[in-house]
């Protein structure tokens, strides 16, 4: 069976469905997506797997990525793939991409399907990249469409460090302005026609959709000429390779016209925006002139008001003489009030003395508690309260079971805390960045409650102690080094309360976090 025959059936079915849909204007704004990338060193020989996205869950593949002296070789095989036309009449093929961590997407080549299978061998100058596969209208595209059907995944033995690569995709609808245009692009399809010729027709149609006839007419005319030559070569039944080469050249030229049109249109819109901003600036200048004239009128009115004010000042002088007389009468009353005020001041001074004495007692108590805690754990004094840091290994790796050494220290801490009344204790825990967010959050929370429960067993009231886990959200050091990750794997006990001059949190569970060292 001819390998293009399934394409004929899929296109016919898609065409029937598309005729019932309404036309819409294309939106060219890109969308953003992320994928995993890997650094391939020279001499590397790594096996990478591909997994289908939600658009094509049955698809899978694998690639052998080998580091050469000057570039990277990718040898990939895929299977379980449907025809690209399932995503719309404008999609005819699949393209593989290498995506750098900076978002640069490089076209690795086209996947031509044979009974759902495809093979690709390509080279790239990128050393750190992820790989995706997208459905495209033709193979010469320069930016991936948002129909991402497969992404690379890395096994535990892949080696190297995974990096997140963020890249831009062309938004749906960019390659289609109406169903009529799409129907024209595939009109007259037959299973003997090379796929490259369909792609060239699609590329020229899409260039028209992007208004290349307005913004890049010479390049578009060249693409149309190349397409006609390819059509004529096909009509004369010339060599298949020559037809495919001519069609690919037409598609590449049409892509150049489309890109040029997009750029020229963006420049035109920028110029229109600049003109609008200029007009707005002129309007602001006119408004400023009007405001200046209004200020001048306001100054004239102010002068008139000044004259009125002088007249009012004379009247005020007369009233001031009367006020002096009233002032003398009020002086006698003030002397009486002054005596009463002095008595109140002395009372306030005595109150401040008592308050300062109480504050000093709190500070002495706080210093004593800090010294006692420091004898067991490294403790620092902060605005939140006294924070004791347990940096030793408190749990078995990946577990929330307290080790004997941890129990001993926690028992000593509980004995110290029980000697003071009115204290609150918040158990806060943190992990490094290894593992998923959900795993770290759950592990830190389990460890936090293990510490809290043990302290309650030692006699601390349950209402006076809270616990929660923050996972990896609050590192104190870089997670890029083993030393930094070791510092981040910690549990902290925050001691607060009026007794030591720190007001306890009204909702300790909302701010406390519990994470113990893995």
Protein backbone atom coordinates (compact mmCIF):
# COMPACT_ATOMS: atom_id res chain seq x y z
CA UNK A 1 0.00 0.00 0.00
CA UNK A 2 1.27 3.51 -0.86
CA UNK A 3 2.43 5.26 2.36
CA UNK A 4 0.37 8.39 1.47
CA UNK A 5 -2.93 6.53 1.14
CA UNK A 6 -3.81 6.87 4.90
CA UNK A 7 -3.24 10.60 4.51
CA UNK A 8 -5.96 10.74 1.82
CA UNK A 9 -8.55 9.19 4.13
CA UNK A 10 -7.62 11.35 7.15
CA UNK A 11 -7.71 14.54 5.08
CA UNK A 12 -11.09 13.66 3.62
CA UNK A 13 -12.54 13.03 7.09
CA UNK A 14 -11.01 16.24 8.49
CA UNK A 15 -12.35 18.23 5.53
CA UNK A 16 -15.90 17.00 6.16
CA UNK A 17 -15.68 18.05 9.84
CA UNK A 18 -14.04 21.41 9.09
CA UNK A 19 -16.84 22.46 6.71
CA UNK A 20 -19.20 22.77 9.70
CA UNK A 21 -16.86 25.07 11.67
CA UNK A 22 -16.94 28.88 11.61
CA UNK A 23 -14.08 30.95 10.17
CA UNK A 24 -11.85 32.86 12.57
CA UNK A 25 -8.97 35.33 12.45
CA UNK A 26 -5.54 33.90 13.22
CA UNK A 27 -3.75 34.88 16.41
CA UNK A 28 0.02 34.95 16.09
CA UNK A 29 0.93 35.60 19.72
CA UNK A 30 3.22 32.77 20.94
CA UNK A 31 2.45 30.57 23.91
CA UNK A 32 5.07 29.34 26.37
CA UNK A 33 5.81 25.73 27.33
CA UNK A 34 8.61 24.01 29.24
CA UNK A 35 10.37 20.69 28.74
CA UNK A 36 13.34 18.89 30.29
CA UNK A 37 16.80 19.41 28.82
CA UNK A 38 20.09 17.57 29.35
CA UNK A 39 23.74 18.59 28.91
CA UNK A 40 25.57 16.23 26.52
CA UNK A 41 29.34 16.30 26.96
CA UNK A 42 31.76 15.40 24.12
CA UNK A 43 32.00 11.65 23.86
CA UNK A 44 28.62 11.12 25.53
CA UNK A 45 26.47 8.22 24.33
CA UNK A 46 23.06 8.53 25.97
CA UNK A 47 19.77 6.74 25.35
CA UNK A 48 16.76 9.07 25.61
CA UNK A 49 13.10 8.03 25.59
CA UNK A 50 10.14 9.92 24.15
CA UNK A 51 6.64 9.89 25.60
CA UNK A 52 3.42 11.02 23.95
CA UNK A 53 1.66 14.10 25.35
CA UNK A 54 -2.07 14.35 26.04
CA UNK A 55 -2.50 15.01 22.28
CA UNK A 56 -1.11 11.59 21.28
CA UNK A 57 -0.76 9.30 24.28
CA UNK A 58 -0.14 6.21 22.16
CA UNK A 59 3.05 7.65 20.65
CA UNK A 60 6.49 6.69 21.96
CA UNK A 61 10.07 6.66 20.82
CA UNK A 62 13.72 6.49 21.73
CA UNK A 63 16.88 8.24 20.57
CA UNK A 64 20.57 7.61 20.80
CA UNK A 65 22.36 10.94 21.43
CA UNK A 66 26.10 10.83 20.78
CA UNK A 67 28.57 13.67 21.38
CA UNK A 68 30.92 14.19 18.44
CA UNK A 69 33.96 16.47 18.24
CA UNK A 70 32.10 19.42 16.68
CA UNK A 71 28.42 18.62 17.15
CA UNK A 72 25.83 16.25 18.62
CA UNK A 73 24.30 13.40 16.60
CA UNK A 74 20.69 12.37 17.24
CA UNK A 75 19.41 9.03 15.90
CA UNK A 76 15.73 8.66 16.84
CA UNK A 77 12.94 6.17 16.12
CA UNK A 78 9.23 6.66 16.79
CA UNK A 79 6.11 4.52 16.70
CA UNK A 80 2.39 4.62 17.56
CA UNK A 81 1.91 7.92 15.71
CA UNK A 82 -1.33 8.98 14.01
CA UNK A 83 -1.58 11.07 10.88
CA UNK A 84 -0.90 14.76 11.56
CA UNK A 85 -4.20 15.68 9.90
CA UNK A 86 -6.08 14.50 13.01
CA UNK A 87 -5.25 17.91 14.49
CA UNK A 88 -6.73 19.89 11.60
CA UNK A 89 -6.60 20.25 7.83
CA UNK A 90 -3.59 22.57 8.05
CA UNK A 91 -1.34 19.87 9.58
CA UNK A 92 0.41 17.51 7.16
CA UNK A 93 3.61 16.30 8.85
CA UNK A 94 5.70 16.09 12.05
CA UNK A 95 8.93 17.94 12.87
CA UNK A 96 11.46 17.16 15.63
CA UNK A 97 13.03 20.07 17.53
CA UNK A 98 16.01 20.61 19.82
CA UNK A 99 15.24 23.27 22.47
CA UNK A 100 18.01 25.06 24.40
CA UNK A 101 17.56 26.25 28.02
CA UNK A 102 17.43 29.81 26.64
CA UNK A 103 14.35 28.94 24.55
CA UNK A 104 16.05 28.61 21.14
CA UNK A 105 14.23 25.97 19.05
CA UNK A 106 16.20 24.28 16.23
CA UNK A 107 14.40 22.30 13.49
CA UNK A 108 16.06 18.85 13.49
CA UNK A 109 14.06 17.55 10.55
CA UNK A 110 10.82 15.98 9.33
CA UNK A 111 9.36 12.65 10.46
CA UNK A 112 7.81 10.90 7.46
CA UNK A 113 5.46 8.22 8.76
CA UNK A 114 5.22 4.68 7.46
CA UNK A 115 2.39 2.76 9.18
CA UNK A 116 2.70 4.97 12.26
CA UNK A 117 6.49 4.70 12.48
CA UNK A 118 9.14 7.31 11.78
CA UNK A 119 12.92 7.63 11.84
CA UNK A 120 15.16 10.69 12.12
CA UNK A 121 18.91 11.16 12.05
CA UNK A 122 20.14 14.71 12.59
CA UNK A 123 23.02 16.83 13.92
CA UNK A 124 22.94 19.97 16.07
CA UNK A 125 25.53 22.41 17.44
CA UNK A 126 23.62 22.65 20.74
CA UNK A 127 25.20 20.83 23.69
CA UNK A 128 22.42 21.36 26.23
CA UNK A 129 18.91 20.80 24.89
CA UNK A 130 15.60 19.01 25.22
CA UNK A 131 13.69 17.43 22.33
CA UNK A 132 10.05 17.65 21.30
CA UNK A 133 7.96 16.59 18.28
CA UNK A 134 5.20 18.83 16.87
CA UNK A 135 2.54 18.56 14.19
CA UNK A 136 3.28 21.12 11.45
CA UNK A 137 1.81 22.30 8.13
CA UNK A 138 5.17 21.74 6.39
CA UNK A 139 8.72 20.71 7.33
CA UNK A 140 10.43 24.09 6.72
CA UNK A 141 8.82 25.85 9.70
CA UNK A 142 11.18 27.92 11.86
CA UNK A 143 9.17 27.95 15.11
CA UNK A 144 7.36 24.99 16.69
CA UNK A 145 3.55 24.89 16.66
CA UNK A 146 1.70 24.34 19.94
CA UNK A 147 0.58 20.87 18.78
CA UNK A 148 3.33 19.17 20.84
CA UNK A 149 2.74 15.43 20.49
CA UNK A 150 5.91 14.04 22.13
CA UNK A 151 8.58 15.16 24.61
CA UNK A 152 11.82 13.59 25.77
CA UNK A 153 11.98 11.94 29.20
CA UNK A 154 15.10 10.93 31.09
CA UNK A 155 15.72 7.73 32.99
CA UNK A 156 17.68 7.63 36.25
CA UNK A 157 20.81 6.33 34.48
CA UNK A 158 20.81 9.00 31.76
CA UNK A 159 23.57 10.89 33.59
CA UNK A 160 24.15 14.63 33.67
CA UNK A 161 21.88 17.22 35.24
CA UNK A 162 18.33 17.88 34.06
CA UNK A 163 17.55 21.49 33.17
CA UNK A 164 14.19 23.10 32.54
CA UNK A 165 13.96 24.64 29.06
CA UNK A 166 11.25 27.26 28.43
CA UNK A 167 10.37 27.98 24.80
CA UNK A 168 7.75 29.73 22.67
CA UNK A 169 5.17 28.01 20.45
CA UNK A 170 3.05 29.38 17.63
CA UNK A 171 -0.54 29.75 18.89
CA UNK A 172 -3.30 27.65 17.33
CA UNK A 173 -4.94 29.32 14.34
CA UNK A 174 -1.78 31.00 13.03
CA UNK A 175 -1.68 28.71 10.00
CA UNK A 176 -5.40 28.91 9.13
CA UNK A 177 -7.62 31.94 8.50
CA UNK A 178 -10.64 30.04 7.11
CA UNK A 179 -11.67 26.54 6.09
CA UNK A 180 -11.97 27.59 2.43
CA UNK A 181 -8.26 28.37 2.24
CA UNK A 182 -7.38 25.02 3.75
CA UNK A 183 -9.64 23.19 1.30
CA UNK A 184 -7.91 24.93 -1.61
CA UNK A 185 -4.53 23.80 -0.27
CA UNK A 186 -5.44 20.11 -0.38
CA UNK A 187 -7.83 20.16 -3.34
CA UNK A 188 -7.18 17.36 -5.80
CA UNK A 189 -5.24 15.16 -3.35
CA UNK A 190 -4.41 11.66 -4.48
CA UNK A 191 -2.29 8.95 -2.86
CA UNK A 192 0.40 9.18 -5.56
CA UNK A 193 1.19 12.84 -4.95
CA UNK A 194 4.38 13.32 -2.86
CA UNK A 195 3.78 14.65 0.64
CA UNK A 196 6.40 17.35 -0.01
CA UNK A 197 4.16 18.83 -2.73
CA UNK A 198 1.23 19.06 -0.30
CA UNK A 199 3.51 20.77 2.22
CA UNK A 200 4.68 23.28 -0.41
CA UNK A 201 1.05 24.12 -1.27
CA UNK A 202 0.34 24.52 2.44
CA UNK A 203 3.39 26.75 2.93
CA UNK A 204 2.35 29.11 0.12
CA UNK A 205 -1.23 29.24 1.47
CA UNK A 206 0.02 30.05 4.96
CA UNK A 207 2.29 32.78 3.60
CA UNK A 208 -0.82 34.34 2.02
CA UNK A 209 -2.64 34.04 5.37
CA UNK A 210 0.26 35.97 6.98
CA UNK A 211 -0.24 38.71 4.32
CA UNK A 212 3.08 38.04 2.63
CA UNK A 213 1.53 39.33 -0.62
CA UNK A 214 1.51 42.74 1.11
CA UNK A 215 4.64 42.66 3.25
CA UNK A 216 6.97 40.35 1.27
CA UNK A 217 5.57 40.22 -2.31
CA UNK A 218 8.86 39.46 -4.08
CA UNK A 219 9.72 36.51 -1.84
CA UNK A 220 6.15 35.20 -2.08
CA UNK A 221 6.20 35.49 -5.88
CA UNK A 222 9.43 33.47 -5.91
CA UNK A 223 7.81 30.80 -3.72
CA UNK A 224 4.75 30.66 -6.03
CA UNK A 225 7.02 30.29 -9.07
CA UNK A 226 8.94 27.48 -7.37
CA UNK A 227 5.65 25.78 -6.47
CA UNK A 228 4.43 26.02 -10.08
CA UNK A 229 7.70 24.51 -11.27
CA UNK A 230 7.32 21.66 -8.80
CA UNK A 231 3.69 21.14 -9.91
CA UNK A 232 4.77 21.12 -13.56
CA UNK A 233 7.56 18.65 -12.79
CA UNK A 234 5.01 16.42 -11.10
CA UNK A 235 2.62 16.78 -14.03
CA UNK A 236 5.40 15.75 -16.42
CA UNK A 237 6.13 12.76 -14.17
CA UNK A 238 9.76 13.74 -13.66
CA UNK A 239 12.11 12.04 -11.17
CA UNK A 240 10.46 11.83 -7.71
CA UNK A 241 13.58 13.11 -5.95
CA UNK A 242 13.67 16.19 -8.16
CA UNK A 243 9.98 16.88 -7.48
CA UNK A 244 10.48 16.53 -3.72
CA UNK A 245 13.56 18.80 -3.79
CA UNK A 246 11.69 21.47 -5.78
CA UNK A 247 8.73 21.27 -3.39
CA UNK A 248 10.97 21.60 -0.34
CA UNK A 249 12.65 24.66 -1.89
CA UNK A 250 9.23 26.24 -2.48
CA UNK A 251 8.19 25.53 1.14
CA UNK A 252 11.40 27.07 2.49
CA UNK A 253 10.97 30.19 0.37
CA UNK A 254 7.32 30.48 1.47
CA UNK A 255 8.43 30.20 5.12
CA UNK A 256 10.91 33.06 4.50
CA UNK A 257 8.04 35.13 3.09
CA UNK A 258 5.83 34.31 6.07
CA UNK A 259 8.53 35.23 8.60
CA UNK A 260 9.30 38.44 6.70
CA UNK A 261 5.58 39.32 6.65
CA UNK A 262 5.24 38.71 10.38
CA UNK A 263 8.26 40.94 11.05
CA UNK A 264 7.13 43.71 8.68
CA UNK A 265 3.62 43.66 10.11
CA UNK A 266 5.02 43.92 13.64
CA UNK A 267 7.16 46.88 12.52
CA UNK A 268 4.14 48.54 10.94
CA UNK A 269 2.14 48.08 14.12
CA UNK A 270 5.04 49.50 16.14
CA UNK A 271 5.12 52.56 13.88
CA UNK A 272 1.37 53.00 14.31
CA UNK A 273 1.79 52.77 18.05
CA UNK A 274 4.59 55.36 17.91
CA UNK A 275 2.32 57.68 15.94
CA UNK A 276 -0.43 57.20 18.51
CA UNK A 277 2.03 57.96 21.31
CA UNK A 278 3.17 61.09 19.48
CA UNK A 279 -0.42 62.26 19.19
CA UNK A 280 -0.96 61.56 22.86
CA UNK A 281 2.18 63.60 23.68
CA UNK A 282 0.85 66.52 21.65
CA UNK A 283 -2.44 66.31 23.49
CA UNK A 284 -0.60 66.29 26.79
CA UNK A 285 1.37 69.38 25.73
CA UNK A 286 -1.87 71.18 24.82
CA UNK A 287 -3.32 70.23 28.17
CA UNK A 288 -0.19 71.50 29.93
CA UNK A 289 -0.60 74.87 28.13
CA UNK A 290 -4.20 75.07 29.24
CA UNK A 291 -3.17 74.20 32.77
CA UNK A 292 -0.55 77.01 32.71
CA UNK A 293 -3.19 79.52 31.66
CA UNK A 294 -5.45 78.29 34.41
CA UNK A 295 -2.62 78.76 36.91
CA UNK A 296 -2.14 82.34 35.75
CA UNK A 297 -5.79 83.04 36.39
CA UNK A 298 -5.43 81.40 39.77
CA UNK A 299 -2.51 83.73 40.64
CA UNK A 300 -4.60 86.79 39.78
CA UNK A 301 -7.35 85.53 41.98
CA UNK A 302 -4.79 84.91 44.71
CA UNK A 303 -3.65 88.55 44.60
CA UNK A 304 -7.22 89.67 45.08
CA UNK A 305 -7.55 87.26 47.94
CA UNK A 306 -4.35 88.70 49.46
CA UNK A 307 -5.88 92.17 49.61
CA UNK A 308 -8.88 90.75 51.36
CA UNK A 309 -6.51 88.98 53.72
CA UNK A 310 -4.83 92.27 54.73
CA UNK A 311 -8.17 93.69 55.62
CA UNK A 312 -8.93 90.59 57.60
CA UNK A 313 -5.55 90.93 59.38
CA UNK A 314 -6.50 94.33 60.74
CA UNK A 315 -9.66 92.85 62.12
CA UNK A 316 -7.62 90.01 63.56
CA UNK A 317 -5.34 92.49 65.41
CA UNK A 318 -8.33 93.94 67.16
CA UNK A 319 -9.52 90.51 68.10
CA UNK A 320 -6.01 89.66 69.31
CA UNK A 321 -6.13 92.44 71.89
CA UNK A 322 -9.29 90.97 73.19
CA UNK A 323 -7.66 87.54 73.20
CA UNK A 324 -4.74 88.81 75.32
CA UNK A 325 -7.19 89.80 77.97
CA UNK A 326 -8.78 86.37 77.83
CA UNK A 327 -5.31 84.81 77.95
CA UNK A 328 -4.50 86.49 81.24
CA UNK A 329 -7.67 85.10 82.69
CA UNK A 330 -6.83 81.64 81.38
CA UNK A 331 -3.30 81.77 82.87
CA UNK A 332 -4.60 81.46 86.35
CA UNK A 333 -6.56 78.40 85.35
CA UNK A 334 -3.46 76.90 83.66
CA UNK A 335 -1.46 77.17 86.86
CA UNK A 336 -4.05 75.07 88.59
CA UNK A 337 -3.99 72.56 85.73
CA UNK A 338 -0.17 72.50 85.79
CA UNK A 339 -0.15 71.30 89.35
CA UNK A 340 -2.54 68.54 88.49
CA UNK A 341 -0.47 67.65 85.42
CA UNK A 342 2.69 67.32 87.52
CA UNK A 343 0.94 64.83 89.74
CA UNK A 344 -0.12 62.83 86.67
CA UNK A 345 3.44 62.94 85.30
CA UNK A 346 4.86 61.54 88.50
CA UNK A 347 2.32 58.74 88.40
CA UNK A 348 3.25 57.99 84.79
CA UNK A 349 6.95 57.93 85.67
CA UNK A 350 6.29 55.42 88.40
CA UNK A 351 4.30 53.30 85.93
CA UNK A 352 7.15 53.44 83.37
CA UNK A 353 9.58 52.39 86.08
CA UNK A 354 7.49 49.34 86.89
CA UNK A 355 7.07 48.53 83.20
CA UNK A 356 10.82 48.79 82.57
CA UNK A 357 11.47 46.56 85.56
CA UNK A 358 9.12 43.94 84.13
CA UNK A 359 10.77 44.24 80.72
CA UNK A 360 14.22 43.74 82.24
CA UNK A 361 12.97 40.62 83.98
CA UNK A 362 11.69 39.29 80.67
CA UNK A 363 15.05 39.96 79.00
CA UNK A 364 16.92 38.23 81.82
CA UNK A 365 14.57 35.26 81.52
CA UNK A 366 15.04 35.26 77.74
CA UNK A 367 18.84 35.30 78.08
CA UNK A 368 18.76 32.44 80.60
CA UNK A 369 16.49 30.37 78.36
CA UNK A 370 18.76 31.10 75.35
CA UNK A 371 21.80 29.89 77.34
CA UNK A 372 20.01 26.72 78.43
CA UNK A 373 18.83 25.89 74.91
CA UNK A 374 22.31 26.54 73.53
CA UNK A 375 23.64 23.86 75.83
CA UNK A 376 21.55 21.34 73.85
CA UNK A 377 21.06 22.87 70.39
CA UNK A 378 22.52 25.79 68.45
CA UNK A 379 20.05 28.60 69.27
CA UNK A 380 19.78 32.18 68.01
CA UNK A 381 17.72 35.15 69.23
CA UNK A 382 15.36 36.63 66.58
CA UNK A 383 12.35 38.93 66.42
CA UNK A 384 10.13 35.85 66.16
CA UNK A 385 11.64 34.35 69.33
CA UNK A 386 14.42 31.92 70.18
CA UNK A 387 15.12 29.58 67.25
CA UNK A 388 16.89 26.30 68.06
CA UNK A 389 18.42 24.64 64.99
CA UNK A 390 18.72 20.86 64.84
CA UNK A 391 21.30 20.31 62.12
CA UNK A 392 22.26 16.74 63.05
CA UNK A 393 20.80 13.69 61.33
CA UNK A 394 17.48 13.21 63.15
CA UNK A 395 15.78 10.65 60.92
CA UNK A 396 16.64 7.73 58.78
CA UNK A 397 17.01 8.79 55.17
CA UNK A 398 13.59 9.31 53.57
CA UNK A 399 11.80 8.40 56.85
CA UNK A 400 10.02 10.34 59.58
CA UNK A 401 11.05 7.98 62.44
CA UNK A 402 13.10 9.81 65.12
CA UNK A 403 16.56 8.39 65.79
CA UNK A 404 17.65 7.79 69.44
CA UNK A 405 20.02 10.75 69.38
CA UNK A 406 17.17 13.02 68.30
CA UNK A 407 14.90 11.73 71.08
CA UNK A 408 17.58 12.43 73.69
CA UNK A 409 18.02 16.03 72.60
CA UNK A 410 14.29 16.63 72.32
CA UNK A 411 13.80 15.23 75.83
CA UNK A 412 16.32 17.77 77.17
CA UNK A 413 14.59 20.59 75.26
CA UNK A 414 11.20 19.61 76.70
CA UNK A 415 12.66 19.63 80.23
CA UNK A 416 13.96 23.17 79.71
CA UNK A 417 10.69 24.46 78.19
CA UNK A 418 8.56 22.94 80.98
CA UNK A 419 10.47 25.01 83.54
CA UNK A 420 8.93 28.21 82.09
CA UNK A 421 5.25 29.15 82.04
CA UNK A 422 3.38 30.70 79.13
CA UNK A 423 5.77 29.60 76.36
CA UNK A 424 4.69 28.46 72.89
CA UNK A 425 6.72 26.17 70.65
CA UNK A 426 6.51 26.03 66.82
CA UNK A 427 8.29 23.18 65.04
CA UNK A 428 9.49 24.28 61.61
CA UNK A 429 11.12 21.98 59.06
CA UNK A 430 12.78 22.38 55.67
CA UNK A 431 14.22 20.12 52.96
CA UNK A 432 16.60 20.58 50.05
CA UNK A 433 15.39 20.77 46.44
CA UNK A 434 15.96 17.09 45.63
CA UNK A 435 12.63 15.41 44.84
CA UNK A 436 9.21 16.77 43.86
CA UNK A 437 7.40 19.59 45.65
CA UNK A 438 4.70 17.22 46.91
CA UNK A 439 7.23 14.66 48.23
CA UNK A 440 9.27 17.29 50.11
CA UNK A 441 6.17 18.97 51.53
CA UNK A 442 4.72 15.67 52.74
CA UNK A 443 8.01 14.41 54.21
CA UNK A 444 8.68 17.67 56.03
CA UNK A 445 5.15 17.70 57.43
CA UNK A 446 5.40 14.07 58.64
CA UNK A 447 8.71 14.79 60.33
CA UNK A 448 7.33 17.95 61.92
CA UNK A 449 4.45 16.11 63.51
CA UNK A 450 6.82 13.34 64.67
CA UNK A 451 8.83 15.96 66.63
CA UNK A 452 5.65 17.63 67.93
CA UNK A 453 4.17 14.34 69.12
CA UNK A 454 7.37 13.40 70.92
CA UNK A 455 7.49 16.77 72.73
CA UNK A 456 3.85 16.30 73.77
CA UNK A 457 4.79 12.87 75.13
CA UNK A 458 7.46 14.61 77.22
CA UNK A 459 4.82 16.71 78.97
CA UNK A 460 4.45 19.85 76.81
CA UNK A 461 0.77 20.75 76.39
CA UNK A 462 -0.52 19.98 72.89
CA UNK A 463 -2.18 23.42 72.67
CA UNK A 464 1.19 25.10 73.28
CA UNK A 465 3.02 23.50 70.32
CA UNK A 466 2.34 23.55 66.60
CA UNK A 467 3.99 21.93 63.61
CA UNK A 468 3.97 22.21 59.82
CA UNK A 469 6.26 21.46 56.89
CA UNK A 470 7.52 23.89 54.24
CA UNK A 471 9.38 21.37 52.02
CA UNK A 472 12.01 23.12 49.91
CA UNK A 473 10.31 26.54 49.78
CA UNK A 474 12.56 28.34 52.33
CA UNK A 475 16.24 27.44 51.73
CA UNK A 476 18.96 29.10 53.81
CA UNK A 477 21.72 28.14 51.37
CA UNK A 478 22.16 27.27 47.69
CA UNK A 479 20.84 23.85 46.61
CA UNK A 480 23.53 23.67 43.92
CA UNK A 481 26.14 22.14 46.31
CA UNK A 482 26.01 19.18 48.74
CA UNK A 483 26.99 21.51 51.60
CA UNK A 484 24.17 23.91 50.78
CA UNK A 485 21.62 21.11 50.54
CA UNK A 486 22.81 19.74 53.91
CA UNK A 487 22.16 23.16 55.50
CA UNK A 488 18.69 23.26 53.97
CA UNK A 489 17.77 19.86 55.44
CA UNK A 490 16.99 21.08 58.95
CA UNK A 491 14.41 21.37 61.69
CA UNK A 492 13.95 24.52 63.79
CA UNK A 493 12.09 25.01 67.07
CA UNK A 494 10.75 28.57 67.52
CA UNK A 495 10.17 29.41 71.21
CA UNK A 496 8.00 32.49 71.91
CA UNK A 497 5.64 33.94 74.51
CA UNK A 498 5.06 36.97 76.77
CA UNK A 499 7.29 35.45 79.42
CA UNK A 500 10.37 36.16 77.25
CA UNK A 501 9.07 39.34 75.61
CA UNK A 502 7.78 37.83 72.37
CA UNK A 503 4.07 37.81 71.58
CA UNK A 504 3.10 34.33 70.40
CA UNK A 505 1.54 33.96 66.95
CA UNK A 506 -2.27 33.91 67.14
CA UNK A 507 -2.25 31.06 64.63
CA UNK A 508 1.07 29.23 65.04
CA UNK A 509 0.13 26.44 62.64
CA UNK A 510 -0.22 28.94 59.81
CA UNK A 511 3.37 30.18 60.15
CA UNK A 512 5.27 27.24 61.65
CA UNK A 513 7.03 24.77 59.38
CA UNK A 514 8.52 21.41 60.31
CA UNK A 515 11.31 19.82 58.32
CA UNK A 516 13.95 17.46 59.67
CA UNK A 517 17.18 16.44 58.05
CA UNK A 518 16.87 13.57 55.60
